[in-house]
C-alpha atoms as a PDB file:
ATOM      1  CA  MET A   1      33.259 131.129-148.126  1.00  0.00           C
ATOM      2  CA  ALA A   2      36.848 130.671-147.068  1.00  0.00           C
ATOM      3  CA  GLN A   3      39.454 132.405-149.162  1.00  0.00           C
ATOM      4  CA  LEU A   4      42.040 130.942-151.236  1.00  0.00           C
ATOM      5  CA  LEU A   5      45.468 131.955-150.555  1.00  0.00           C
ATOM      6  CA  ASP A   6      47.329 131.611-154.140  1.00  0.00           C
ATOM      7  CA  GLY A   7      50.877 131.098-153.819  1.00  0.00           C
ATOM      8  CA  VAL A   8      51.436 130.967-157.820  1.00  0.00           C
ATOM      9  CA  HIS A   9      50.056 134.439-157.509  1.00  0.00           C
ATOM     10  CA  ILE A  10      52.522 135.648-154.618  1.00  0.00           C
ATOM     11  CA  ARG A  11      55.416 134.058-156.389  1.00  0.00           C
ATOM     12  CA  GLN A  12      54.923 136.130-159.283  1.00  0.00           C
ATOM     13  CA  GLN A  13      54.625 139.141-157.380  1.00  0.00           C
ATOM     14  CA  ILE A  14      58.124 138.418-155.434  1.00  0.00           C
ATOM     15  CA  LEU A  15      59.944 137.467-158.734  1.00  0.00           C
ATOM     16  CA  PHE A  16      58.459 140.555-160.395  1.00  0.00           C
ATOM     17  CA  GLU A  17      59.771 142.865-157.547  1.00  0.00           C
ATOM     18  CA  LEU A  18      63.490 141.193-157.852  1.00  0.00           C
ATOM     19  CA  LYS A  19      63.828 141.405-161.342  1.00  0.00           C
ATOM     20  CA  PRO A  20      64.886 144.907-161.466  1.00  0.00           C
ATOM     21  CA  ARG A  21      67.342 144.419-158.613  1.00  0.00           C
ATOM     22  CA  VAL A  22      68.716 141.487-160.471  1.00  0.00           C
ATOM     23  CA  GLU A  23      69.329 143.974-163.697  1.00  0.00           C
ATOM     24  CA  LYS A  24      70.614 146.767-161.497  1.00  0.00           C
ATOM     25  CA  MET A  25      73.341 144.462-159.865  1.00  0.00           C
ATOM     26  CA  THR A  26      74.106 142.936-163.667  1.00  0.00           C
ATOM     27  CA  ALA A  27      74.453 146.452-164.994  1.00  0.00           C
ATOM     28  CA  LEU A  28      76.830 147.630-162.016  1.00  0.00           C
ATOM     29  CA  ASP A  29      78.975 144.726-161.874  1.00  0.00           C
ATOM     30  CA  ARG A  30      77.658 141.044-162.458  1.00  0.00           C
ATOM     31  CA  PRO A  31      74.574 139.079-162.132  1.00  0.00           C
ATOM     32  CA  PRO A  32      73.877 137.152-158.794  1.00  0.00           C
ATOM     33  CA  GLY A  33      75.292 133.512-158.492  1.00  0.00           C
ATOM     34  CA  LEU A  34      73.715 130.377-157.426  1.00  0.00           C
ATOM     35  CA  ALA A  35      75.303 127.032-157.109  1.00  0.00           C
ATOM     36  CA  VAL A  36      73.255 123.991-156.674  1.00  0.00           C
ATOM     37  CA  VAL A  37      74.834 120.774-155.263  1.00  0.00           C
ATOM     38  CA  LEU A  38      72.991 117.883-156.368  1.00  0.00           C
ATOM     39  CA  ALA A  39      74.540 114.585-155.183  1.00  0.00           C
ATOM     40  CA  GLY A  40      73.004 111.109-156.384  1.00  0.00           C
ATOM     41  CA  ASN A  41      69.889 110.485-158.384  1.00  0.00           C
ATOM     42  CA  ASP A  42      66.811 111.111-156.210  1.00  0.00           C
ATOM     43  CA  PRO A  43      63.985 111.724-158.828  1.00  0.00           C
ATOM     44  CA  ALA A  44      62.379 114.363-156.618  1.00  0.00           C
ATOM     45  CA  SER A  45      65.481 116.207-155.848  1.00  0.00           C
ATOM     46  CA  GLU A  46      66.362 116.507-159.732  1.00  0.00           C
ATOM     47  CA  ILE A  47      62.700 117.880-160.306  1.00  0.00           C
ATOM     48  CA  TYR A  48      63.263 120.376-157.624  1.00  0.00           C
ATOM     49  CA  VAL A  49      66.694 121.387-158.766  1.00  0.00           C
ATOM     50  CA  ARG A  50      65.718 121.773-162.130  1.00  0.00           C
ATOM     51  CA  ASN A  51      62.721 124.201-161.140  1.00  0.00           C
ATOM     52  CA  LYS A  52      65.239 126.410-159.131  1.00  0.00           C
ATOM     53  CA  VAL A  53      67.788 126.453-162.270  1.00  0.00           C
ATOM     54  CA  LYS A  54      64.917 127.388-164.316  1.00  0.00           C
ATOM     55  CA  ALA A  55      63.896 130.368-162.073  1.00  0.00           C
ATOM     56  CA  CYS A  56      67.367 131.634-162.085  1.00  0.00           C
ATOM     57  CA  GLY A  57      67.042 131.582-165.942  1.00  0.00           C
ATOM     58  CA  GLU A  58      63.882 133.387-165.986  1.00  0.00           C
ATOM     59  CA  LEU A  59      65.328 136.125-163.492  1.00  0.00           C
ATOM     60  CA  GLY A  60      68.899 136.634-164.894  1.00  0.00           C
ATOM     61  CA  ILE A  61      70.418 134.699-162.064  1.00  0.00           C
ATOM     62  CA  TYR A  62      73.732 132.836-162.972  1.00  0.00           C
ATOM     63  CA  SER A  63      73.130 129.501-161.752  1.00  0.00           C
ATOM     64  CA  GLU A  64      75.573 126.512-161.939  1.00  0.00           C
ATOM     65  CA  LYS A  65      74.509 122.760-160.998  1.00  0.00           C
ATOM     66  CA  ILE A  66      77.368 120.616-159.619  1.00  0.00           C
ATOM     67  CA  THR A  67      76.307 116.756-159.762  1.00  0.00           C
ATOM     68  CA  PRO A  68      78.874 114.572-157.999  1.00  0.00           C
ATOM     69  CA  PRO A  69      78.025 110.815-158.154  1.00  0.00           C
ATOM     70  CA  ALA A  70      76.086 109.000-155.535  1.00  0.00           C
ATOM     71  CA  THR A  71      79.026 107.521-154.490  1.00  0.00           C
ATOM     72  CA  VAL A  72      80.622 110.741-152.937  1.00  0.00           C
ATOM     73  CA  SER A  73      82.219 110.705-149.645  1.00  0.00           C
ATOM     74  CA  THR A  74      82.079 113.333-147.146  1.00  0.00           C
ATOM     75  CA  ALA A  75      85.412 114.632-147.735  1.00  0.00           C
ATOM     76  CA  GLU A  76      85.021 114.833-151.341  1.00  0.00           C
ATOM     77  CA  LEU A  77      81.844 116.937-151.019  1.00  0.00           C
ATOM     78  CA  LEU A  78      83.608 119.260-148.361  1.00  0.00           C
ATOM     79  CA  GLN A  79      86.194 119.865-150.842  1.00  0.00           C
ATOM     80  CA  VAL A  80      83.440 120.897-153.397  1.00  0.00           C
ATOM     81  CA  ILE A  81      81.792 123.266-150.913  1.00  0.00           C
ATOM     82  CA  ASP A  82      85.247 124.836-150.006  1.00  0.00           C
ATOM     83  CA  SER A  83      85.630 125.480-153.486  1.00  0.00           C
ATOM     84  CA  LEU A  84      82.399 127.370-154.086  1.00  0.00           C
ATOM     85  CA  ASN A  85      82.829 129.252-150.873  1.00  0.00           C
ATOM     86  CA  ARG A  86      86.196 130.805-152.496  1.00  0.00           C
ATOM     87  CA  ARG A  87      84.507 131.771-155.912  1.00  0.00           C
ATOM     88  CA  PRO A  88      83.537 135.647-155.843  1.00  0.00           C
ATOM     89  CA  GLU A  89      80.999 135.043-158.597  1.00  0.00           C
ATOM     90  CA  ILE A  90      78.941 132.515-156.427  1.00  0.00           C
ATOM     91  CA  ASP A  91      76.751 134.446-153.947  1.00  0.00           C
ATOM     92  CA  GLY A  92      74.543 131.398-153.031  1.00  0.00           C
ATOM     93  CA  ILE A  93      75.124 127.856-152.241  1.00  0.00           C
ATOM     94  CA  LEU A  94      72.312 125.201-151.959  1.00  0.00           C
ATOM     95  CA  VAL A  95      72.819 121.758-151.038  1.00  0.00           C
ATOM     96  CA  GLN A  96      69.896 119.641-152.079  1.00  0.00           C
ATOM     97  CA  MET A  97      68.579 117.542-149.690  1.00  0.00           C
ATOM     98  CA  PRO A  98      68.471 114.126-148.857  1.00  0.00           C
ATOM     99  CA  LEU A  99      72.105 113.529-149.571  1.00  0.00           C
ATOM    100  CA  PRO A 100      73.486 109.985-150.049  1.00  0.00           C
ATOM    101  CA  ARG A 101      73.422 107.969-146.893  1.00  0.00           C
ATOM    102  CA  GLN A 102      77.289 107.625-146.336  1.00  0.00           C
ATOM    103  CA  VAL A 103      77.369 111.555-146.388  1.00  0.00           C
ATOM    104  CA  ASP A 104      77.605 113.592-143.097  1.00  0.00           C
ATOM    105  CA  ALA A 105      74.633 115.925-143.951  1.00  0.00           C
ATOM    106  CA  LYS A 106      75.384 118.021-140.855  1.00  0.00           C
ATOM    107  CA  ARG A 107      78.867 118.744-141.677  1.00  0.00           C
ATOM    108  CA  ILE A 108      78.231 119.513-145.229  1.00  0.00           C
ATOM    109  CA  LEU A 109      75.673 122.182-144.273  1.00  0.00           C
ATOM    110  CA  GLU A 110      77.764 123.725-141.666  1.00  0.00           C
ATOM    111  CA  ALA A 111      80.637 123.929-144.262  1.00  0.00           C
ATOM    112  CA  VAL A 112      78.615 126.253-146.429  1.00  0.00           C
ATOM    113  CA  SER A 113      79.718 129.771-145.503  1.00  0.00           C
ATOM    114  CA  PRO A 114      77.298 131.759-143.631  1.00  0.00           C
ATOM    115  CA  ASP A 115      77.225 134.658-145.984  1.00  0.00           C
ATOM    116  CA  LYS A 116      76.521 132.152-148.958  1.00  0.00           C
ATOM    117  CA  ASP A 117      73.969 129.984-147.448  1.00  0.00           C
ATOM    118  CA  ALA A 118      71.027 130.293-149.756  1.00  0.00           C
ATOM    119  CA  ASP A 119      68.788 128.094-147.865  1.00  0.00           C
ATOM    120  CA  GLY A 120      69.394 129.969-144.522  1.00  0.00           C
ATOM    121  CA  PHE A 121      70.308 126.652-142.393  1.00  0.00           C
ATOM    122  CA  HIS A 122      73.554 127.528-140.990  1.00  0.00           C
ATOM    123  CA  PRO A 123      73.744 127.662-137.455  1.00  0.00           C
ATOM    124  CA  VAL A 124      75.098 131.272-137.648  1.00  0.00           C
ATOM    125  CA  ASN A 125      72.091 132.347-139.597  1.00  0.00           C
ATOM    126  CA  VAL A 126      69.503 130.265-137.375  1.00  0.00           C
ATOM    127  CA  GLY A 127      71.214 132.418-134.671  1.00  0.00           C
ATOM    128  CA  ARG A 128      70.630 135.648-136.517  1.00  0.00           C
ATOM    129  CA  LEU A 129      66.978 134.538-136.912  1.00  0.00           C
ATOM    130  CA  VAL A 130      66.751 133.905-132.962  1.00  0.00           C
ATOM    131  CA  ALA A 131      68.339 137.330-132.184  1.00  0.00           C
ATOM    132  CA  ASN A 132      65.856 138.864-135.240  1.00  0.00           C
ATOM    133  CA  GLN A 133      68.927 140.023-137.129  1.00  0.00           C
ATOM    134  CA  PRO A 134      69.302 140.325-140.978  1.00  0.00           C
ATOM    135  CA  GLY A 135      70.320 137.155-142.804  1.00  0.00           C
ATOM    136  CA  PRO A 136      69.039 134.582-145.172  1.00  0.00           C
ATOM    137  CA  ARG A 137      65.858 133.068-143.790  1.00  0.00           C
ATOM    138  CA  ALA A 138      64.886 129.468-144.228  1.00  0.00           C
ATOM    139  CA  CYS A 139      62.846 129.858-147.642  1.00  0.00           C
ATOM    140  CA  THR A 140      59.529 127.885-146.768  1.00  0.00           C
ATOM    141  CA  PRO A 141      58.787 129.826-143.720  1.00  0.00           C
ATOM    142  CA  ALA A 142      59.893 133.177-145.251  1.00  0.00           C
ATOM    143  CA  GLY A 143      57.140 132.440-148.062  1.00  0.00           C
ATOM    144  CA  VAL A 144      54.651 131.588-145.586  1.00  0.00           C
ATOM    145  CA  MET A 145      55.391 134.981-144.019  1.00  0.00           C
ATOM    146  CA  GLU A 146      55.217 136.780-147.535  1.00  0.00           C
ATOM    147  CA  MET A 147      51.874 135.100-147.815  1.00  0.00           C
ATOM    148  CA  LEU A 148      50.327 136.405-144.803  1.00  0.00           C
ATOM    149  CA  ARG A 149      51.674 139.849-145.186  1.00  0.00           C
ATOM    150  CA  ARG A 150      50.701 140.379-148.729  1.00  0.00           C
ATOM    151  CA  TYR A 151      47.008 139.078-148.301  1.00  0.00           C
ATOM    152  CA  SER A 152      47.031 141.422-145.076  1.00  0.00           C
ATOM    153  CA  ILE A 153      46.254 138.453-142.794  1.00  0.00           C
ATOM    154  CA  GLN A 154      47.063 140.247-139.281  1.00  0.00           C
ATOM    155  CA  VAL A 155      49.944 138.308-137.211  1.00  0.00           C
ATOM    156  CA  SER A 156      50.308 140.553-134.341  1.00  0.00           C
ATOM    157  CA  GLY A 157      48.296 139.745-131.338  1.00  0.00           C
ATOM    158  CA  LYS A 158      46.944 136.470-132.495  1.00  0.00           C
ATOM    159  CA  ASN A 159      47.390 132.892-131.400  1.00  0.00           C
ATOM    160  CA  ALA A 160      49.646 131.103-134.022  1.00  0.00           C
ATOM    161  CA  VAL A 161      50.167 127.320-133.753  1.00  0.00           C
ATOM    162  CA  VAL A 162      52.837 125.706-135.679  1.00  0.00           C
ATOM    163  CA  LEU A 163      52.388 121.897-136.023  1.00  0.00           C
ATOM    164  CA  GLY A 164      55.850 120.447-136.594  1.00  0.00           C
ATOM    165  CA  ARG A 165      59.180 121.075-135.111  1.00  0.00           C
ATOM    166  CA  SER A 166      61.507 120.564-137.937  1.00  0.00           C
ATOM    167  CA  ASP A 167      64.711 122.548-138.244  1.00  0.00           C
ATOM    168  CA  ILE A 168      63.700 123.494-141.961  1.00  0.00           C
ATOM    169  CA  VAL A 169      60.232 124.546-141.341  1.00  0.00           C
ATOM    170  CA  GLY A 170      58.701 124.305-137.843  1.00  0.00           C
ATOM    171  CA  LYS A 171      61.199 125.967-135.273  1.00  0.00           C
ATOM    172  CA  PRO A 172      62.107 128.860-137.887  1.00  0.00           C
ATOM    173  CA  MET A 173      58.167 129.306-138.669  1.00  0.00           C
ATOM    174  CA  ALA A 174      57.662 129.535-135.097  1.00  0.00           C
ATOM    175  CA  LEU A 175      60.318 132.327-134.466  1.00  0.00           C
ATOM    176  CA  MET A 176      59.212 134.503-137.392  1.00  0.00           C
ATOM    177  CA  LEU A 177      55.722 134.337-136.157  1.00  0.00           C
ATOM    178  CA  LEU A 178      56.830 135.262-132.762  1.00  0.00           C
ATOM    179  CA  HIS A 179      59.064 138.121-134.422  1.00  0.00           C
ATOM    180  CA  ALA A 180      55.718 139.220-135.759  1.00  0.00           C
ATOM    181  CA  ASN A 181      54.133 139.530-132.389  1.00  0.00           C
ATOM    182  CA  ALA A 182      51.981 136.222-132.499  1.00  0.00           C
ATOM    183  CA  THR A 183      51.756 134.376-129.522  1.00  0.00           C
ATOM    184  CA  VAL A 184      53.157 130.958-130.605  1.00  0.00           C
ATOM    185  CA  THR A 185      52.611 127.426-129.676  1.00  0.00           C
ATOM    186  CA  ILE A 186      54.728 124.520-131.111  1.00  0.00           C
ATOM    187  CA  CYS A 187      53.110 121.219-131.413  1.00  0.00           C
ATOM    188  CA  HIS A 188      54.366 117.781-132.472  1.00  0.00           C
ATOM    189  CA  SER A 189      53.331 114.053-132.392  1.00  0.00           C
ATOM    190  CA  ARG A 190      53.705 113.654-128.465  1.00  0.00           C
ATOM    191  CA  THR A 191      51.634 116.893-127.930  1.00  0.00           C
ATOM    192  CA  SER A 192      48.962 115.975-125.418  1.00  0.00           C
ATOM    193  CA  ASP A 193      45.311 116.578-127.077  1.00  0.00           C
ATOM    194  CA  LEU A 194      46.697 117.822-130.283  1.00  0.00           C
ATOM    195  CA  ALA A 195      43.311 118.616-131.789  1.00  0.00           C
ATOM    196  CA  ALA A 196      42.616 120.826-128.908  1.00  0.00           C
ATOM    197  CA  GLU A 197      45.863 122.690-129.332  1.00  0.00           C
ATOM    198  CA  CYS A 198      45.488 123.436-132.853  1.00  0.00           C
ATOM    199  CA  ARG A 199      41.771 124.573-132.258  1.00  0.00           C
ATOM    200  CA  ARG A 200      43.012 127.588-130.358  1.00  0.00           C
ATOM    201  CA  ALA A 201      45.037 128.646-133.215  1.00  0.00           C
ATOM    202  CA  ASP A 202      43.879 132.044-135.234  1.00  0.00           C
ATOM    203  CA  ILE A 203      46.829 131.045-137.495  1.00  0.00           C
ATOM    204  CA  LEU A 204      47.931 127.246-137.961  1.00  0.00           C
ATOM    205  CA  VAL A 205      50.659 125.983-139.853  1.00  0.00           C
ATOM    206  CA  ALA A 206      50.727 122.382-140.689  1.00  0.00           C
ATOM    207  CA  ALA A 207      54.033 120.930-141.499  1.00  0.00           C
ATOM    208  CA  ILE A 208      53.896 117.604-139.863  1.00  0.00           C
ATOM    209  CA  GLY A 209      54.311 115.327-142.913  1.00  0.00           C
ATOM    210  CA  ARG A 210      50.874 113.157-142.362  1.00  0.00           C
ATOM    211  CA  ALA A 211      48.288 113.147-145.590  1.00  0.00           C
ATOM    212  CA  GLY A 212      45.299 114.747-144.396  1.00  0.00           C
ATOM    213  CA  MET A 213      45.660 114.526-140.869  1.00  0.00           C
ATOM    214  CA  VAL A 214      44.359 117.931-139.731  1.00  0.00           C
ATOM    215  CA  THR A 215      40.804 117.400-140.136  1.00  0.00           C
ATOM    216  CA  GLU A 216      37.679 119.495-139.174  1.00  0.00           C
ATOM    217  CA  GLN A 217      38.271 118.807-135.016  1.00  0.00           C
ATOM    218  CA  TYR A 218      41.751 120.679-135.346  1.00  0.00           C
ATOM    219  CA  LEU A 219      40.307 123.649-136.779  1.00  0.00           C
ATOM    220  CA  LYS A 220      38.897 126.887-135.173  1.00  0.00           C
ATOM    221  CA  PRO A 221      36.222 128.105-137.218  1.00  0.00           C
ATOM    222  CA  GLY A 222      37.241 131.378-139.358  1.00  0.00           C
ATOM    223  CA  ALA A 223      41.229 130.447-138.775  1.00  0.00           C
ATOM    224  CA  THR A 224      44.020 131.233-141.378  1.00  0.00           C
ATOM    225  CA  VAL A 225      45.523 127.643-142.329  1.00  0.00           C
ATOM    226  CA  ILE A 226      48.905 127.440-144.010  1.00  0.00           C
ATOM    227  CA  ASP A 227      49.492 123.866-145.248  1.00  0.00           C
ATOM    228  CA  VAL A 228      53.009 123.344-145.729  1.00  0.00           C
ATOM    229  CA  GLY A 229      52.594 119.313-146.432  1.00  0.00           C
ATOM    230  CA  ILE A 230      52.860 117.738-149.637  1.00  0.00           C
ATOM    231  CA  ASN A 231      52.379 113.880-149.742  1.00  0.00           C
ATOM    232  CA  ARG A 232      51.787 111.656-152.449  1.00  0.00           C
ATOM    233  CA  VAL A 233      48.973 108.816-151.476  1.00  0.00           C
ATOM    234  CA  SER A 234      48.846 105.719-153.745  1.00  0.00           C
ATOM    235  CA  THR A 235      45.863 103.503-152.375  1.00  0.00           C
ATOM    236  CA  ARG A 236      42.271 104.246-152.729  1.00  0.00           C
ATOM    237  CA  GLU A 237      41.908 104.152-149.038  1.00  0.00           C
ATOM    238  CA  GLU A 238      44.283 106.747-148.378  1.00  0.00           C
ATOM    239  CA  ALA A 239      43.084 109.295-151.066  1.00  0.00           C
ATOM    240  CA  GLU A 240      39.429 108.804-149.869  1.00  0.00           C
ATOM    241  CA  ARG A 241      40.375 109.479-146.090  1.00  0.00           C
ATOM    242  CA  ALA A 242      42.441 112.455-147.367  1.00  0.00           C
ATOM    243  CA  GLY A 243      39.556 113.906-149.550  1.00  0.00           C
ATOM    244  CA  LYS A 244      41.453 113.367-152.619  1.00  0.00           C
ATOM    245  CA  LEU A 245      39.389 110.330-154.431  1.00  0.00           C
ATOM    246  CA  THR A 246      38.293 112.040-157.671  1.00  0.00           C
ATOM    247  CA  GLU A 247      42.217 113.172-158.344  1.00  0.00           C
ATOM    248  CA  PHE A 248      43.122 109.354-157.353  1.00  0.00           C
ATOM    249  CA  GLU A 249      40.708 107.887-159.572  1.00  0.00           C
ATOM    250  CA  LYS A 250      42.050 109.888-162.522  1.00  0.00           C
ATOM    251  CA  LYS A 251      45.681 109.658-162.181  1.00  0.00           C
ATOM    252  CA  GLY A 252      46.175 106.623-159.783  1.00  0.00           C
ATOM    253  CA  SER A 253      47.723 108.711-157.000  1.00  0.00           C
ATOM    254  CA  ALA A 254      47.194 111.910-155.585  1.00  0.00           C
ATOM    255  CA  LEU A 255      48.888 114.746-154.072  1.00  0.00           C
ATOM    256  CA  VAL A 256      47.726 115.942-150.564  1.00  0.00           C
ATOM    257  CA  GLY A 257      48.997 118.281-147.928  1.00  0.00           C
ATOM    258  CA  ASP A 258      48.596 117.807-143.997  1.00  0.00           C
ATOM    259  CA  VAL A 259      45.096 119.135-144.033  1.00  0.00           C
ATOM    260  CA  HIS A 260      41.970 117.678-145.318  1.00  0.00           C
ATOM    261  CA  PRO A 261      40.911 119.912-148.393  1.00  0.00           C
ATOM    262  CA  GLY A 262      37.331 119.632-147.961  1.00  0.00           C
ATOM    263  CA  ASP A 263      37.163 120.260-144.112  1.00  0.00           C
ATOM    264  CA  VAL A 264      39.259 123.261-144.436  1.00  0.00           C
ATOM    265  CA  ALA A 265      37.552 124.823-147.229  1.00  0.00           C
ATOM    266  CA  ARG A 266      34.336 124.491-145.216  1.00  0.00           C
ATOM    267  CA  VAL A 267      35.783 125.543-141.785  1.00  0.00           C
ATOM    268  CA  ALA A 268      38.737 127.994-142.297  1.00  0.00           C
ATOM    269  CA  GLY A 269      38.571 131.716-142.745  1.00  0.00           C
ATOM    270  CA  ALA A 270      41.425 131.461-145.431  1.00  0.00           C
ATOM    271  CA  TYR A 271      43.619 128.712-146.563  1.00  0.00           C
ATOM    272  CA  THR A 272      46.423 127.454-148.697  1.00  0.00           C
ATOM    273  CA  PRO A 273      45.884 124.729-151.425  1.00  0.00           C
ATOM    274  CA  VAL A 274      47.864 121.576-152.153  1.00  0.00           C
ATOM    275  CA  PRO A 275      49.515 122.150-154.444  1.00  0.00           C
ATOM    276  CA  GLY A 276      49.671 125.768-155.478  1.00  0.00           C
ATOM    277  CA  GLY A 277      49.839 127.259-151.991  1.00  0.00           C
ATOM    278  CA  VAL A 278      53.140 127.214-149.987  1.00  0.00           C
ATOM    279  CA  GLY A 279      55.300 125.224-152.745  1.00  0.00           C
ATOM    280  CA  PRO A 280      55.788 127.906-155.185  1.00  0.00           C
ATOM    281  CA  LEU A 281      57.028 130.546-152.766  1.00  0.00           C
ATOM    282  CA  THR A 282      59.775 128.204-151.359  1.00  0.00           C
ATOM    283  CA  ILE A 283      61.760 128.686-154.748  1.00  0.00           C
ATOM    284  CA  ALA A 284      60.571 132.486-154.923  1.00  0.00           C
ATOM    285  CA  MET A 285      62.325 132.971-151.349  1.00  0.00           C
ATOM    286  CA  LEU A 286      65.572 131.248-152.456  1.00  0.00           C
ATOM    287  CA  MET A 287      65.660 133.677-155.256  1.00  0.00           C
ATOM    288  CA  ALA A 288      65.244 136.317-152.948  1.00  0.00           C
ATOM    289  CA  ASN A 289      68.175 135.061-150.425  1.00  0.00           C
ATOM    290  CA  THR A 290      70.452 134.929-153.635  1.00  0.00           C
ATOM    291  CA  VAL A 291      69.775 138.332-154.783  1.00  0.00           C
ATOM    292  CA  MET A 292      70.085 139.720-151.428  1.00  0.00           C
ATOM    293  CA  LEU A 293      73.327 137.833-150.557  1.00  0.00           C
ATOM    294  CA  GLY A 294      74.557 139.038-154.082  1.00  0.00           C
ATOM    295  CA  GLU A 295      73.808 142.743-153.398  1.00  0.00           C
ATOM    296  CA  ARG A 296      75.775 142.376-150.163  1.00  0.00           C
ATOM    297  CA  HIS A 297      78.894 140.938-151.853  1.00  0.00           C
ATOM    298  CA  CYS A 298      78.937 143.515-154.334  1.00  0.00           C
ATOM    299  CA  SER A 299      78.661 146.354-152.029  1.00  0.00           C
ATOM    300  CA  ALA A 300      81.206 145.166-149.854  1.00  0.00           C
ATOM    301  CA  SER A 301      83.502 144.650-152.761  1.00  0.00           C
ATOM    302  CA  ALA A 302      82.878 148.142-154.183  1.00  0.00           C
END
């Protein structure tokens, strides 16, 4: 029977450990501060931001939501970022993606001060990750590493395959696994014989954004499978193909990861569910980055 890796449980552990650090910082000086910039009216982004602000409140982190209109220009948003960079009570800045089409997202992300980069996306912090130097890390892959560590899943010496090469998950995930002494292969849509490459993995991280694509033929028996994908399917055919027909019939849609849930439960040694696996850890690691940045700032000003 495959072991279920419970992201909600790990999230609670992380938040429990962060709370006394927040309380100590608050008692000595001030609480850590996180500013979230939400431009436009994307419904999914609004839910994500609401959950991030809620997590701040539960921990005692000061949070501020800045909501420029959907018509905001790159220049106007750069002014918002510059103002936040200058404010000493703001330790972390998160720019919620996607931004409106007319905004140059790359310029906005690079305008965030590296020492306030709560997402770990700034090129300076990516460079620190490459060099294995301290700094804020991309939240989702950092959460995956916490999951592996806290479930005592050995990484060192193992073959790890990362399916997906995004700047947000795939590339930083591969680097973190490499720093933990795994032998890492990065696969993507143009990889020859993708299933065969994935079958070599002792640890498979699926982050390619295709509902239920990773089926039994992609899985090595006994492997640890981390499903980063979260896809909403809205047709009966898609739901049936992804193994979520029962949920679809109840709700009219279903949330599906990149991995077929029935196949992974049957073949893997351990796996993350969708929902309830990696997702809860992303916000937990955002909180961890914010607290770490706040401690650094308070230490520097002492």
